[in-house]
PDB file of all heavy atoms in Angstrom:
ATOM      1  N   ARG A   1      95.476 130.316 153.383  1.00  0.00           N
ATOM      2  CA  ARG A   1      96.609 129.528 152.839  1.00  0.00           C
ATOM      3  C   ARG A   1      97.874 129.872 153.666  1.00  0.00           C
ATOM      4  O   ARG A   1      98.697 129.004 153.909  1.00  0.00           O
ATOM      5  CB  ARG A   1      96.821 129.865 151.449  1.00  0.00           C
ATOM      6  CG  ARG A   1      95.712 129.137 150.543  1.00  0.00           C
ATOM      7  CD  ARG A   1      95.846 129.577 149.110  1.00  0.00           C
ATOM      8  NE  ARG A   1      94.783 128.918 148.274  1.00  0.00           N
ATOM      9  CZ  ARG A   1      94.549 129.145 147.013  1.00  0.00           C
ATOM     10  NH1 ARG A   1      95.203 130.086 146.321  1.00  0.00           N
ATOM     11  NH2 ARG A   1      93.605 128.403 146.422  1.00  0.00           N
ATOM     12  N   ALA A   2      98.012 131.145 154.062  1.00  0.00           N
ATOM     13  CA  ALA A   2      99.147 131.488 154.885  1.00  0.00           C
ATOM     14  C   ALA A   2      99.106 130.700 156.227  1.00  0.00           C
ATOM     15  O   ALA A   2     100.138 130.349 156.716  1.00  0.00           O
ATOM     16  CB  ALA A   2      99.134 133.005 155.152  1.00  0.00           C
ATOM     17  N   MET A   3      97.915 130.554 156.715  1.00  0.00           N
ATOM     18  CA  MET A   3      97.770 129.895 157.986  1.00  0.00           C
ATOM     19  C   MET A   3      98.185 128.397 157.794  1.00  0.00           C
ATOM     20  O   MET A   3      98.819 127.786 158.739  1.00  0.00           O
ATOM     21  CB  MET A   3      96.331 129.853 158.443  1.00  0.00           C
ATOM     22  CG  MET A   3      96.087 129.578 159.941  1.00  0.00           C
ATOM     23  SD  MET A   3      94.582 130.218 160.682  1.00  0.00           S
ATOM     24  CE  MET A   3      93.320 129.309 159.710  1.00  0.00           C
ATOM     25  N   ALA A   4      97.857 127.798 156.613  1.00  0.00           N
ATOM     26  CA  ALA A   4      98.288 126.456 156.342  1.00  0.00           C
ATOM     27  C   ALA A   4      99.840 126.400 156.268  1.00  0.00           C
ATOM     28  O   ALA A   4     100.465 125.422 156.721  1.00  0.00           O
ATOM     29  CB  ALA A   4      97.707 125.975 155.063  1.00  0.00           C
ATOM     30  N   ARG A   5     100.463 127.375 155.563  1.00  0.00           N
ATOM     31  CA  ARG A   5     101.900 127.396 155.528  1.00  0.00           C
ATOM     32  C   ARG A   5     102.591 127.481 156.967  1.00  0.00           C
ATOM     33  O   ARG A   5     103.572 126.731 157.219  1.00  0.00           O
ATOM     34  CB  ARG A   5     102.429 128.531 154.654  1.00  0.00           C
ATOM     35  CG  ARG A   5     102.094 128.366 153.166  1.00  0.00           C
ATOM     36  CD  ARG A   5     102.897 129.332 152.347  1.00  0.00           C
ATOM     37  NE  ARG A   5     102.615 130.711 152.587  1.00  0.00           N
ATOM     38  CZ  ARG A   5     101.650 131.411 152.083  1.00  0.00           C
ATOM     39  NH1 ARG A   5     100.902 130.902 151.126  1.00  0.00           N
ATOM     40  NH2 ARG A   5     101.447 132.683 152.387  1.00  0.00           N
ATOM     41  N   GLU A   6     102.004 128.275 157.801  1.00  0.00           N
ATOM     42  CA  GLU A   6     102.448 128.387 159.161  1.00  0.00           C
ATOM     43  C   GLU A   6     102.388 127.060 159.922  1.00  0.00           C
ATOM     44  O   GLU A   6     103.303 126.646 160.642  1.00  0.00           O
ATOM     45  CB  GLU A   6     101.742 129.457 159.915  1.00  0.00           C
ATOM     46  CG  GLU A   6     101.958 130.875 159.390  1.00  0.00           C
ATOM     47  CD  GLU A   6     101.056 131.864 160.001  1.00  0.00           C
ATOM     48  OE1 GLU A   6     100.215 131.545 160.846  1.00  0.00           O
ATOM     49  OE2 GLU A   6     101.112 133.050 159.537  1.00  0.00           O
ATOM     50  N   LYS A   7     101.274 126.366 159.715  1.00  0.00           N
ATOM     51  CA  LYS A   7     101.031 125.091 160.291  1.00  0.00           C
ATOM     52  C   LYS A   7     102.103 124.064 159.843  1.00  0.00           C
ATOM     53  O   LYS A   7     102.678 123.274 160.644  1.00  0.00           O
ATOM     54  CB  LYS A   7      99.689 124.580 160.059  1.00  0.00           C
ATOM     55  CG  LYS A   7      99.285 123.121 160.592  1.00  0.00           C
ATOM     56  CD  LYS A   7      99.232 123.225 162.091  1.00  0.00           C
ATOM     57  CE  LYS A   7      98.776 121.891 162.632  1.00  0.00           C
ATOM     58  NZ  LYS A   7      98.751 121.866 164.065  1.00  0.00           N
ATOM     59  N   ILE A   8     102.370 124.006 158.571  1.00  0.00           N
ATOM     60  CA  ILE A   8     103.430 123.147 158.032  1.00  0.00           C
ATOM     61  C   ILE A   8     104.762 123.442 158.628  1.00  0.00           C
ATOM     62  O   ILE A   8     105.540 122.560 158.989  1.00  0.00           O
ATOM     63  CB  ILE A   8     103.506 123.227 156.475  1.00  0.00           C
ATOM     64  CG1 ILE A   8     102.129 122.640 155.865  1.00  0.00           C
ATOM     65  CG2 ILE A   8     104.672 122.380 155.945  1.00  0.00           C
ATOM     66  CD1 ILE A   8     101.947 121.258 156.084  1.00  0.00           C
ATOM     67  N   ALA A   9     105.112 124.714 158.688  1.00  0.00           N
ATOM     68  CA  ALA A   9     106.352 125.083 159.298  1.00  0.00           C
ATOM     69  C   ALA A   9     106.436 124.647 160.725  1.00  0.00           C
ATOM     70  O   ALA A   9     107.555 124.115 161.133  1.00  0.00           O
ATOM     71  CB  ALA A   9     106.553 126.576 159.234  1.00  0.00           C
ATOM     72  N   GLU A  10     105.449 124.720 161.479  1.00  0.00           N
ATOM     73  CA  GLU A  10     105.398 124.240 162.839  1.00  0.00           C
ATOM     74  C   GLU A  10     105.675 122.797 162.902  1.00  0.00           C
ATOM     75  O   GLU A  10     106.429 122.250 163.785  1.00  0.00           O
ATOM     76  CB  GLU A  10     104.125 124.637 163.610  1.00  0.00           C
ATOM     77  CG  GLU A  10     103.904 126.107 163.782  1.00  0.00           C
ATOM     78  CD  GLU A  10     102.525 126.429 164.308  1.00  0.00           C
ATOM     79  OE1 GLU A  10     101.810 125.424 164.618  1.00  0.00           O
ATOM     80  OE2 GLU A  10     102.124 127.595 164.389  1.00  0.00           O
ATOM     81  N   MET A  11     105.012 122.045 162.066  1.00  0.00           N
ATOM     82  CA  MET A  11     105.129 120.565 162.133  1.00  0.00           C
ATOM     83  C   MET A  11     106.585 120.243 161.718  1.00  0.00           C
ATOM     84  O   MET A  11     107.115 119.285 162.349  1.00  0.00           O
ATOM     85  CB  MET A  11     104.089 119.980 161.035  1.00  0.00           C
ATOM     86  CG  MET A  11     102.705 120.150 161.402  1.00  0.00           C
ATOM     87  SD  MET A  11     101.504 119.733 160.066  1.00  0.00           S
ATOM     88  CE  MET A  11     101.900 117.958 159.924  1.00  0.00           C
ATOM     89  N   ARG A  12     107.165 120.876 160.850  1.00  0.00           N
ATOM     90  CA  ARG A  12     108.603 120.501 160.409  1.00  0.00           C
ATOM     91  C   ARG A  12     109.578 120.895 161.583  1.00  0.00           C
ATOM     92  O   ARG A  12     110.486 120.126 161.802  1.00  0.00           O
ATOM     93  CB  ARG A  12     108.956 121.232 159.090  1.00  0.00           C
ATOM     94  CG  ARG A  12     108.209 120.667 157.866  1.00  0.00           C
ATOM     95  CD  ARG A  12     108.467 121.514 156.730  1.00  0.00           C
ATOM     96  NE  ARG A  12     107.892 120.823 155.490  1.00  0.00           N
ATOM     97  CZ  ARG A  12     107.711 121.430 154.269  1.00  0.00           C
ATOM     98  NH1 ARG A  12     108.123 122.702 154.205  1.00  0.00           N
ATOM     99  NH2 ARG A  12     107.261 120.789 153.262  1.00  0.00           N
ATOM    100  N   GLU A  13     109.297 121.966 162.192  1.00  0.00           N
ATOM    101  CA  GLU A  13     110.135 122.419 163.258  1.00  0.00           C
ATOM    102  C   GLU A  13     110.032 121.472 164.427  1.00  0.00           C
ATOM    103  O   GLU A  13     111.069 121.122 165.072  1.00  0.00           O
ATOM    104  CB  GLU A  13     109.847 123.832 163.692  1.00  0.00           C
ATOM    105  CG  GLU A  13     110.693 124.368 164.770  1.00  0.00           C
ATOM    106  CD  GLU A  13     110.396 125.814 165.213  1.00  0.00           C
ATOM    107  OE1 GLU A  13     109.505 126.396 164.550  1.00  0.00           O
ATOM    108  OE2 GLU A  13     111.059 126.313 166.055  1.00  0.00           O
ATOM    109  N   ARG A  14     108.871 121.003 164.715  1.00  0.00           N
ATOM    110  CA  ARG A  14     108.660 120.095 165.832  1.00  0.00           C
ATOM    111  C   ARG A  14     109.229 118.704 165.604  1.00  0.00           C
ATOM    112  O   ARG A  14     109.691 118.059 166.531  1.00  0.00           O
ATOM    113  CB  ARG A  14     107.167 119.996 166.034  1.00  0.00           C
ATOM    114  CG  ARG A  14     106.814 119.170 167.333  1.00  0.00           C
ATOM    115  CD  ARG A  14     105.274 119.362 167.639  1.00  0.00           C
ATOM    116  NE  ARG A  14     104.397 118.932 166.552  1.00  0.00           N
ATOM    117  CZ  ARG A  14     103.611 119.667 165.854  1.00  0.00           C
ATOM    118  NH1 ARG A  14     103.577 120.973 166.086  1.00  0.00           N
ATOM    119  NH2 ARG A  14     102.876 119.178 164.900  1.00  0.00           N
ATOM    120  N   ASP A  15     109.276 118.277 164.319  1.00  0.00           N
ATOM    121  CA  ASP A  15     109.796 116.963 163.974  1.00  0.00           C
ATOM    122  C   ASP A  15     110.605 117.115 162.762  1.00  0.00           C
ATOM    123  O   ASP A  15     110.228 116.701 161.645  1.00  0.00           O
ATOM    124  CB  ASP A  15     108.719 115.998 163.813  1.00  0.00           C
ATOM    125  CG  ASP A  15     109.172 114.486 163.802  1.00  0.00           C
ATOM    126  OD1 ASP A  15     110.389 114.282 163.754  1.00  0.00           O
ATOM    127  OD2 ASP A  15     108.297 113.614 163.675  1.00  0.00           O
ATOM    128  N   PRO A  16     111.940 117.623 162.739  1.00  0.00           N
ATOM    129  CA  PRO A  16     112.624 117.840 161.607  1.00  0.00           C
ATOM    130  C   PRO A  16     113.080 116.611 160.823  1.00  0.00           C
ATOM    131  O   PRO A  16     113.396 116.687 159.671  1.00  0.00           O
ATOM    132  CB  PRO A  16     113.903 118.643 162.162  1.00  0.00           C
ATOM    133  CG  PRO A  16     113.966 118.166 163.574  1.00  0.00           C
ATOM    134  CD  PRO A  16     112.570 118.078 164.057  1.00  0.00           C
ATOM    135  N   GLU A  17     113.055 115.445 161.390  1.00  0.00           N
ATOM    136  CA  GLU A  17     113.423 114.280 160.721  1.00  0.00           C
ATOM    137  C   GLU A  17     112.292 113.717 159.861  1.00  0.00           C
ATOM    138  O   GLU A  17     112.580 112.870 158.983  1.00  0.00           O
ATOM    139  CB  GLU A  17     113.806 113.097 161.819  1.00  0.00           C
ATOM    140  CG  GLU A  17     114.999 113.546 162.709  1.00  0.00           C
ATOM    141  CD  GLU A  17     116.241 113.832 161.867  1.00  0.00           C
ATOM    142  OE1 GLU A  17     116.550 113.089 160.960  1.00  0.00           O
ATOM    143  OE2 GLU A  17     116.880 114.871 162.289  1.00  0.00           O
ATOM    144  N   ARG A  18     111.067 114.182 160.043  1.00  0.00           N
ATOM    145  CA  ARG A  18     110.001 113.703 159.291  1.00  0.00           C
ATOM    146  C   ARG A  18     109.807 114.539 158.048  1.00  0.00           C
ATOM    147  O   ARG A  18     109.769 115.809 158.118  1.00  0.00           O
ATOM    148  CB  ARG A  18     108.693 113.662 160.131  1.00  0.00           C
ATOM    149  CG  ARG A  18     107.398 113.368 159.305  1.00  0.00           C
ATOM    150  CD  ARG A  18     106.253 113.155 160.253  1.00  0.00           C
ATOM    151  NE  ARG A  18     106.382 111.924 160.934  1.00  0.00           N
ATOM    152  CZ  ARG A  18     105.426 111.463 161.824  1.00  0.00           C
ATOM    153  NH1 ARG A  18     104.417 112.246 162.193  1.00  0.00           N
ATOM    154  NH2 ARG A  18     105.554 110.272 162.388  1.00  0.00           N
ATOM    155  N   ASP A  19     109.563 113.964 156.921  1.00  0.00           N
ATOM    156  CA  ASP A  19     109.354 114.646 155.635  1.00  0.00           C
ATOM    157  C   ASP A  19     107.837 114.890 155.506  1.00  0.00           C
ATOM    158  O   ASP A  19     107.044 114.043 155.125  1.00  0.00           O
ATOM    159  CB  ASP A  19     109.825 113.900 154.443  1.00  0.00           C
ATOM    160  CG  ASP A  19     109.725 114.586 153.080  1.00  0.00           C
ATOM    161  OD1 ASP A  19     109.470 115.863 153.194  1.00  0.00           O
ATOM    162  OD2 ASP A  19     109.718 113.989 152.060  1.00  0.00           O
ATOM    163  N   VAL A  20     107.500 116.133 155.843  1.00  0.00           N
ATOM    164  CA  VAL A  20     106.040 116.560 155.770  1.00  0.00           C
ATOM    165  C   VAL A  20     105.818 117.393 154.592  1.00  0.00           C
ATOM    166  O   VAL A  20     106.430 118.527 154.444  1.00  0.00           O
ATOM    167  CB  VAL A  20     105.572 117.255 157.103  1.00  0.00           C
ATOM    168  CG1 VAL A  20     104.182 117.737 156.925  1.00  0.00           C
ATOM    169  CG2 VAL A  20     105.829 116.468 158.292  1.00  0.00           C
ATOM    170  N   GLN A  21     105.060 116.916 153.624  1.00  0.00           N
ATOM    171  CA  GLN A  21     104.803 117.658 152.436  1.00  0.00           C
ATOM    172  C   GLN A  21     103.228 118.085 152.302  1.00  0.00           C
ATOM    173  O   GLN A  21     102.404 117.260 152.578  1.00  0.00           O
ATOM    174  CB  GLN A  21     105.148 116.777 151.126  1.00  0.00           C
ATOM    175  CG  GLN A  21     106.517 116.455 150.980  1.00  0.00           C
ATOM    176  CD  GLN A  21     107.376 117.626 150.711  1.00  0.00           C
ATOM    177  OE1 GLN A  21     106.902 118.564 150.045  1.00  0.00           O
ATOM    178  NE2 GLN A  21     108.659 117.678 151.136  1.00  0.00           N
ATOM    179  N   ILE A  22     103.090 119.357 152.164  1.00  0.00           N
ATOM    180  CA  ILE A  22     101.648 119.745 151.953  1.00  0.00           C
ATOM    181  C   ILE A  22     101.226 119.210 150.588  1.00  0.00           C
ATOM    182  O   ILE A  22     101.929 119.232 149.608  1.00  0.00           O
ATOM    183  CB  ILE A  22     101.541 121.269 152.045  1.00  0.00           C
ATOM    184  CG1 ILE A  22     100.044 121.626 152.100  1.00  0.00           C
ATOM    185  CG2 ILE A  22     102.192 121.998 150.876  1.00  0.00           C
ATOM    186  CD1 ILE A  22      99.764 123.012 152.632  1.00  0.00           C
ATOM    187  N   PHE A  23      99.992 118.635 150.607  1.00  0.00           N
ATOM    188  CA  PHE A  23      99.577 117.808 149.471  1.00  0.00           C
ATOM    189  C   PHE A  23      98.490 118.505 148.638  1.00  0.00           C
ATOM    190  O   PHE A  23      98.469 118.557 147.456  1.00  0.00           O
ATOM    191  CB  PHE A  23      99.189 116.419 149.827  1.00  0.00           C
ATOM    192  CG  PHE A  23      98.856 115.491 148.679  1.00  0.00           C
ATOM    193  CD1 PHE A  23      99.883 114.951 147.894  1.00  0.00           C
ATOM    194  CD2 PHE A  23      97.524 115.201 148.375  1.00  0.00           C
ATOM    195  CE1 PHE A  23      99.503 114.051 146.901  1.00  0.00           C
ATOM    196  CE2 PHE A  23      97.167 114.420 147.315  1.00  0.00           C
ATOM    197  CZ  PHE A  23      98.208 113.856 146.579  1.00  0.00           C
ATOM    198  N   SER A  24      97.500 119.060 149.380  1.00  0.00           N
ATOM    199  CA  SER A  24      96.344 119.656 148.724  1.00  0.00           C
ATOM    200  C   SER A  24      95.728 120.679 149.628  1.00  0.00           C
ATOM    201  O   SER A  24      95.532 120.459 150.748  1.00  0.00           O
ATOM    202  CB  SER A  24      95.331 118.560 148.371  1.00  0.00           C
ATOM    203  OG  SER A  24      94.196 119.065 147.640  1.00  0.00           O
ATOM    204  N   VAL A  25      95.419 121.890 149.018  1.00  0.00           N
ATOM    205  CA  VAL A  25      94.762 122.894 149.756  1.00  0.00           C
ATOM    206  C   VAL A  25      93.452 123.257 149.018  1.00  0.00           C
ATOM    207  O   VAL A  25      93.226 122.999 147.916  1.00  0.00           O
ATOM    208  CB  VAL A  25      95.586 124.165 149.854  1.00  0.00           C
ATOM    209  CG1 VAL A  25      96.871 123.880 150.679  1.00  0.00           C
ATOM    210  CG2 VAL A  25      95.934 124.715 148.467  1.00  0.00           C
ATOM    211  N   PRO A  26      92.489 123.930 149.731  1.00  0.00           N
ATOM    212  CA  PRO A  26      91.267 124.352 149.071  1.00  0.00           C
ATOM    213  C   PRO A  26      91.482 125.264 147.907  1.00  0.00           C
ATOM    214  O   PRO A  26      92.420 126.098 147.915  1.00  0.00           O
ATOM    215  CB  PRO A  26      90.411 125.093 150.120  1.00  0.00           C
ATOM    216  CG  PRO A  26      91.050 124.554 151.409  1.00  0.00           C
ATOM    217  CD  PRO A  26      92.502 124.322 151.129  1.00  0.00           C
TER     218      PRO A  26
END
């Protein structure tokens, strides 16, 4: 789950204008 949070943070940093919301995790 920490790895998923890191991935989300990378996606937001790469494209700050896009609203990326994590929706479902295992």
